[in-house]
Amino acid sequence: TKNFGTGFLVRSQLDFDRLEHLFRFELGAGWNDSHGYDLKLRLGVNSVFSGGAPDIGAEVFWGQDRGLTTTDLRVFAAFGRDVSVRPFIGIRRVKDRTGPDVNGKLALGLTLHTRFE
């Protein structure tokens, strides 16, 4: 089957998941001929400590894709630099524009981040 899409992405830094600056953002939009449009916005704010202190931060995600709206808010602590371990707590909400209102769900987790150069 054929599939054609196009889009753009604007970021404040090369890799959104690296905690290089106090404030980070990512804005994207796209269109696919079989799925329609999608939009996304990610905002992040965090500390940038040197030495052994963990970075503390928060991230907000908002996305619109095929009639679904997703909102995600997370608060995290990041341990490590080259390999970062980030326990987080957050609230996630997914709503279908045509369906009933959906309640948020509590999310607890652990993410691992590294960068291969």
N, C-alpha and C. Protein backbone atom coordinates (compact mmCIF):
# COMPACT_ATOMS: atom_id res chain seq x y z
N THR A 1 0.84 -1.19 0.00
CA THR A 1 0.00 0.00 0.00
C THR A 1 0.88 1.24 0.00
N LYS A 2 0.39 2.25 -0.63
CA LYS A 2 1.14 3.51 -0.65
C LYS A 2 0.84 4.30 0.62
N ASN A 3 1.80 5.08 1.02
CA ASN A 3 1.65 5.89 2.21
C ASN A 3 2.54 7.11 2.04
N PHE A 4 1.97 8.29 2.13
CA PHE A 4 2.72 9.52 1.95
C PHE A 4 2.49 10.42 3.15
N GLY A 5 3.54 11.02 3.66
CA GLY A 5 3.40 11.91 4.80
C GLY A 5 4.44 13.02 4.75
N THR A 6 4.16 14.07 5.46
CA THR A 6 5.10 15.19 5.57
C THR A 6 4.91 15.84 6.93
N GLY A 7 5.91 16.57 7.37
CA GLY A 7 5.79 17.21 8.67
C GLY A 7 7.00 18.06 8.99
N PHE A 8 6.96 18.69 10.16
CA PHE A 8 8.10 19.48 10.62
C PHE A 8 8.22 19.33 12.12
N LEU A 9 9.43 19.62 12.61
CA LEU A 9 9.71 19.53 14.03
C LEU A 9 10.67 20.66 14.39
N VAL A 10 10.36 21.39 15.44
CA VAL A 10 11.22 22.47 15.93
C VAL A 10 11.57 22.15 17.37
N ARG A 11 12.87 22.17 17.69
CA ARG A 11 13.34 21.85 19.04
C ARG A 11 14.27 22.95 19.53
N SER A 12 14.32 23.08 20.84
CA SER A 12 15.25 24.04 21.44
C SER A 12 16.66 23.45 21.57
N GLN A 13 16.78 22.12 21.45
CA GLN A 13 18.08 21.46 21.48
C GLN A 13 17.97 20.18 20.67
N LEU A 14 19.12 19.59 20.32
CA LEU A 14 19.15 18.44 19.42
C LEU A 14 18.34 17.25 19.96
N ASP A 15 18.50 16.93 21.24
CA ASP A 15 17.81 15.79 21.85
C ASP A 15 17.00 16.30 23.03
N PHE A 16 15.68 16.25 22.92
CA PHE A 16 14.80 16.78 23.97
C PHE A 16 15.05 16.11 25.31
N ASP A 17 15.38 14.83 25.31
CA ASP A 17 15.51 14.07 26.55
C ASP A 17 16.80 14.34 27.32
N ARG A 18 17.75 15.04 26.74
CA ARG A 18 18.97 15.40 27.48
C ARG A 18 18.69 16.67 28.29
N LEU A 19 19.15 16.69 29.51
CA LEU A 19 18.89 17.82 30.41
C LEU A 19 20.05 18.81 30.32
N GLU A 20 20.20 19.44 29.16
CA GLU A 20 21.31 20.37 28.92
C GLU A 20 20.98 21.80 29.31
N HIS A 21 19.71 22.17 29.26
CA HIS A 21 19.29 23.55 29.54
C HIS A 21 18.15 23.55 30.56
N LEU A 22 17.95 24.68 31.20
CA LEU A 22 16.87 24.80 32.19
C LEU A 22 15.50 24.62 31.56
N PHE A 23 15.32 25.09 30.33
CA PHE A 23 14.03 25.03 29.64
C PHE A 23 14.23 24.34 28.29
N ARG A 24 13.35 23.40 27.96
CA ARG A 24 13.40 22.69 26.69
C ARG A 24 12.01 22.69 26.06
N PHE A 25 11.95 22.71 24.73
CA PHE A 25 10.66 22.58 24.06
C PHE A 25 10.82 21.81 22.76
N GLU A 26 9.71 21.26 22.31
CA GLU A 26 9.64 20.54 21.05
C GLU A 26 8.24 20.74 20.50
N LEU A 27 8.14 21.19 19.27
CA LEU A 27 6.87 21.44 18.61
C LEU A 27 6.89 20.72 17.27
N GLY A 28 5.89 19.90 17.02
CA GLY A 28 5.85 19.15 15.77
C GLY A 28 4.46 19.11 15.19
N ALA A 29 4.40 19.00 13.87
CA ALA A 29 3.13 18.85 13.16
C ALA A 29 3.39 18.01 11.93
N GLY A 30 2.41 17.23 11.54
CA GLY A 30 2.56 16.40 10.37
C GLY A 30 1.23 16.01 9.77
N TRP A 31 1.31 15.45 8.58
CA TRP A 31 0.13 14.99 7.88
C TRP A 31 0.49 13.72 7.13
N ASN A 32 -0.41 12.74 7.18
CA ASN A 32 -0.23 11.48 6.50
C ASN A 32 -1.50 11.21 5.70
N ASP A 33 -1.36 10.80 4.44
CA ASP A 33 -2.55 10.66 3.59
C ASP A 33 -3.50 9.55 4.04
N SER A 34 -3.03 8.59 4.83
CA SER A 34 -3.94 7.54 5.29
C SER A 34 -4.40 7.74 6.72
N HIS A 35 -3.72 8.57 7.51
CA HIS A 35 -4.09 8.75 8.92
C HIS A 35 -4.53 10.17 9.27
N GLY A 36 -4.29 11.13 8.42
CA GLY A 36 -4.65 12.51 8.72
C GLY A 36 -3.52 13.27 9.38
N TYR A 37 -3.85 14.23 10.21
CA TYR A 37 -2.85 15.11 10.80
C TYR A 37 -2.49 14.68 12.22
N ASP A 38 -1.35 15.17 12.68
CA ASP A 38 -1.01 15.05 14.08
C ASP A 38 -0.22 16.29 14.51
N LEU A 39 -0.40 16.64 15.75
CA LEU A 39 0.28 17.78 16.36
C LEU A 39 0.85 17.33 17.69
N LYS A 40 1.99 17.91 18.08
CA LYS A 40 2.51 17.60 19.41
C LYS A 40 3.31 18.77 19.95
N LEU A 41 3.27 18.90 21.26
CA LEU A 41 4.02 19.93 21.96
C LEU A 41 4.57 19.31 23.23
N ARG A 42 5.87 19.47 23.46
CA ARG A 42 6.52 19.00 24.70
C ARG A 42 7.27 20.17 25.30
N LEU A 43 7.08 20.37 26.58
CA LEU A 43 7.78 21.40 27.33
C LEU A 43 8.46 20.74 28.52
N GLY A 44 9.67 21.17 28.81
CA GLY A 44 10.38 20.63 29.95
C GLY A 44 11.13 21.71 30.69
N VAL A 45 11.14 21.62 31.99
CA VAL A 45 11.91 22.53 32.84
C VAL A 45 12.60 21.65 33.88
N ASN A 46 13.86 21.95 34.13
CA ASN A 46 14.63 21.12 35.05
C ASN A 46 15.83 21.88 35.59
N SER A 47 16.38 21.37 36.67
CA SER A 47 17.62 21.91 37.21
C SER A 47 18.78 21.35 36.40
N VAL A 48 19.90 22.04 36.42
CA VAL A 48 21.11 21.57 35.75
C VAL A 48 22.24 21.67 36.77
N PHE A 49 22.32 20.67 37.64
CA PHE A 49 23.34 20.66 38.68
C PHE A 49 24.62 20.04 38.16
N SER A 50 25.72 20.49 38.69
CA SER A 50 26.99 19.83 38.40
C SER A 50 27.36 18.99 39.61
N GLY A 51 28.24 18.05 39.40
CA GLY A 51 28.61 17.16 40.50
C GLY A 51 27.66 16.00 40.61
N GLY A 52 27.46 15.50 41.81
CA GLY A 52 26.67 14.30 42.01
C GLY A 52 25.20 14.51 42.32
N ALA A 53 24.74 15.76 42.41
CA ALA A 53 23.34 16.01 42.76
C ALA A 53 22.42 15.64 41.60
N PRO A 54 21.28 15.00 41.90
CA PRO A 54 20.34 14.67 40.82
C PRO A 54 19.63 15.91 40.30
N ASP A 55 19.32 15.91 39.01
CA ASP A 55 18.51 16.98 38.43
C ASP A 55 17.04 16.68 38.71
N ILE A 56 16.29 17.72 39.04
CA ILE A 56 14.85 17.62 39.32
C ILE A 56 14.13 18.39 38.23
N GLY A 57 13.03 17.85 37.72
CA GLY A 57 12.35 18.56 36.65
C GLY A 57 10.92 18.10 36.44
N ALA A 58 10.30 18.72 35.44
CA ALA A 58 8.92 18.40 35.06
C ALA A 58 8.79 18.52 33.55
N GLU A 59 7.93 17.69 32.98
CA GLU A 59 7.66 17.73 31.54
C GLU A 59 6.17 17.67 31.30
N VAL A 60 5.73 18.39 30.27
CA VAL A 60 4.34 18.38 29.84
C VAL A 60 4.32 17.97 28.38
N PHE A 61 3.44 17.04 28.03
CA PHE A 61 3.24 16.62 26.65
C PHE A 61 1.78 16.83 26.29
N TRP A 62 1.53 17.38 25.10
CA TRP A 62 0.19 17.49 24.56
C TRP A 62 0.26 17.02 23.11
N GLY A 63 -0.64 16.14 22.73
CA GLY A 63 -0.65 15.64 21.36
C GLY A 63 -2.05 15.44 20.84
N GLN A 64 -2.21 15.64 19.53
CA GLN A 64 -3.49 15.45 18.85
C GLN A 64 -3.22 14.54 17.66
N ASP A 65 -3.90 13.39 17.60
CA ASP A 65 -3.65 12.42 16.54
C ASP A 65 -4.91 11.63 16.27
N ARG A 66 -5.43 11.70 15.06
CA ARG A 66 -6.60 10.94 14.63
C ARG A 66 -7.78 11.02 15.61
N GLY A 67 -8.05 12.18 16.11
CA GLY A 67 -9.19 12.35 17.00
C GLY A 67 -8.91 12.09 18.47
N LEU A 68 -7.71 11.65 18.81
CA LEU A 68 -7.33 11.44 20.20
C LEU A 68 -6.48 12.60 20.68
N THR A 69 -6.81 13.10 21.86
CA THR A 69 -6.00 14.13 22.50
C THR A 69 -5.33 13.51 23.72
N THR A 70 -4.01 13.61 23.77
CA THR A 70 -3.24 13.04 24.88
C THR A 70 -2.56 14.17 25.64
N THR A 71 -2.69 14.16 26.95
CA THR A 71 -2.01 15.10 27.83
C THR A 71 -1.27 14.31 28.89
N ASP A 72 -0.03 14.68 29.14
CA ASP A 72 0.81 13.95 30.08
C ASP A 72 1.63 14.96 30.86
N LEU A 73 1.60 14.86 32.18
CA LEU A 73 2.41 15.71 33.06
C LEU A 73 3.24 14.80 33.95
N ARG A 74 4.56 15.01 33.96
CA ARG A 74 5.46 14.18 34.76
C ARG A 74 6.41 15.05 35.58
N VAL A 75 6.70 14.57 36.78
CA VAL A 75 7.73 15.16 37.63
C VAL A 75 8.76 14.06 37.85
N PHE A 76 10.03 14.40 37.73
CA PHE A 76 11.06 13.37 37.78
C PHE A 76 12.31 13.84 38.51
N ALA A 77 13.15 12.89 38.85
CA ALA A 77 14.50 13.13 39.34
C ALA A 77 15.43 12.34 38.42
N ALA A 78 16.53 12.94 37.98
CA ALA A 78 17.45 12.28 37.04
C ALA A 78 18.79 12.04 37.73
N PHE A 79 19.20 10.79 37.75
CA PHE A 79 20.47 10.39 38.36
C PHE A 79 21.41 9.94 37.25
N GLY A 80 22.60 10.56 37.16
CA GLY A 80 23.59 10.17 36.17
C GLY A 80 23.60 11.11 34.98
N ARG A 81 24.70 11.09 34.24
CA ARG A 81 24.86 11.95 33.07
C ARG A 81 24.89 11.15 31.76
N ASP A 82 25.91 10.32 31.56
CA ASP A 82 26.00 9.56 30.31
C ASP A 82 24.86 8.57 30.18
N VAL A 83 24.54 7.90 31.27
CA VAL A 83 23.34 7.07 31.36
C VAL A 83 22.51 7.65 32.50
N SER A 84 21.31 8.07 32.19
CA SER A 84 20.45 8.72 33.17
C SER A 84 19.30 7.79 33.57
N VAL A 85 19.11 7.62 34.86
CA VAL A 85 18.00 6.85 35.41
C VAL A 85 17.03 7.86 36.00
N ARG A 86 15.76 7.82 35.55
CA ARG A 86 14.78 8.83 35.96
C ARG A 86 13.50 8.21 36.49
N PRO A 87 13.37 8.10 37.80
CA PRO A 87 12.06 7.73 38.35
C PRO A 87 11.10 8.92 38.18
N PHE A 88 9.84 8.64 37.88
CA PHE A 88 8.88 9.72 37.68
C PHE A 88 7.51 9.35 38.25
N ILE A 89 6.73 10.40 38.47
CA ILE A 89 5.32 10.26 38.82
C ILE A 89 4.58 11.25 37.93
N GLY A 90 3.42 10.85 37.45
CA GLY A 90 2.72 11.74 36.54
C GLY A 90 1.25 11.41 36.42
N ILE A 91 0.58 12.23 35.63
CA ILE A 91 -0.83 12.06 35.31
C ILE A 91 -0.95 12.05 33.79
N ARG A 92 -1.66 11.06 33.26
CA ARG A 92 -1.85 10.92 31.81
C ARG A 92 -3.34 10.88 31.51
N ARG A 93 -3.73 11.60 30.48
CA ARG A 93 -5.13 11.64 30.08
C ARG A 93 -5.22 11.49 28.56
N VAL A 94 -6.05 10.56 28.10
CA VAL A 94 -6.30 10.36 26.68
C VAL A 94 -7.79 10.51 26.46
N LYS A 95 -8.17 11.38 25.54
CA LYS A 95 -9.59 11.65 25.30
C LYS A 95 -9.89 11.54 23.81
N ASP A 96 -10.94 10.82 23.50
CA ASP A 96 -11.46 10.75 22.13
C ASP A 96 -12.40 11.93 21.95
N ARG A 97 -12.18 12.73 20.90
CA ARG A 97 -13.01 13.92 20.71
C ARG A 97 -14.49 13.59 20.54
N THR A 98 -14.79 12.41 20.03
CA THR A 98 -16.19 12.05 19.80
C THR A 98 -16.80 11.28 20.96
N GLY A 99 -15.98 10.86 21.91
CA GLY A 99 -16.48 10.04 23.01
C GLY A 99 -16.68 10.82 24.30
N PRO A 100 -17.01 10.10 25.35
CA PRO A 100 -17.21 10.75 26.65
C PRO A 100 -15.89 11.21 27.26
N ASP A 101 -15.98 12.07 28.25
CA ASP A 101 -14.79 12.57 28.93
C ASP A 101 -14.07 11.42 29.61
N VAL A 102 -12.75 11.45 29.58
CA VAL A 102 -11.93 10.38 30.15
C VAL A 102 -11.18 10.94 31.35
N ASN A 103 -11.19 10.19 32.44
CA ASN A 103 -10.46 10.62 33.63
C ASN A 103 -8.97 10.37 33.46
N GLY A 104 -8.16 11.13 34.19
CA GLY A 104 -6.72 10.93 34.15
C GLY A 104 -6.30 9.69 34.91
N LYS A 105 -5.14 9.18 34.56
CA LYS A 105 -4.59 8.01 35.24
C LYS A 105 -3.24 8.37 35.84
N LEU A 106 -3.00 7.87 37.02
CA LEU A 106 -1.72 8.08 37.69
C LEU A 106 -0.69 7.16 37.07
N ALA A 107 0.48 7.71 36.79
CA ALA A 107 1.56 6.92 36.18
C ALA A 107 2.79 7.00 37.08
N LEU A 108 3.35 5.85 37.40
CA LEU A 108 4.61 5.75 38.13
C LEU A 108 5.55 4.95 37.25
N GLY A 109 6.80 5.36 37.17
CA GLY A 109 7.70 4.60 36.31
C GLY A 109 9.15 4.97 36.49
N LEU A 110 9.95 4.33 35.68
CA LEU A 110 11.39 4.53 35.67
C LEU A 110 11.83 4.51 34.21
N THR A 111 12.51 5.53 33.77
CA THR A 111 13.02 5.57 32.40
C THR A 111 14.54 5.60 32.41
N LEU A 112 15.13 5.03 31.40
CA LEU A 112 16.58 5.03 31.22
C LEU A 112 16.89 5.82 29.95
N HIS A 113 17.86 6.72 30.02
CA HIS A 113 18.24 7.53 28.88
C HIS A 113 19.73 7.44 28.66
N THR A 114 20.13 7.26 27.41
CA THR A 114 21.54 7.32 27.04
C THR A 114 21.61 7.88 25.63
N ARG A 115 22.80 8.26 25.24
CA ARG A 115 22.99 8.83 23.91
C ARG A 115 24.17 8.13 23.27
N PHE A 116 23.96 7.62 22.07
CA PHE A 116 25.01 6.97 21.32
C PHE A 116 25.54 7.96 20.29
N GLU A 117 26.83 8.21 20.32
CA GLU A 117 27.41 9.18 19.39
C GLU A 117 28.40 8.51 18.47
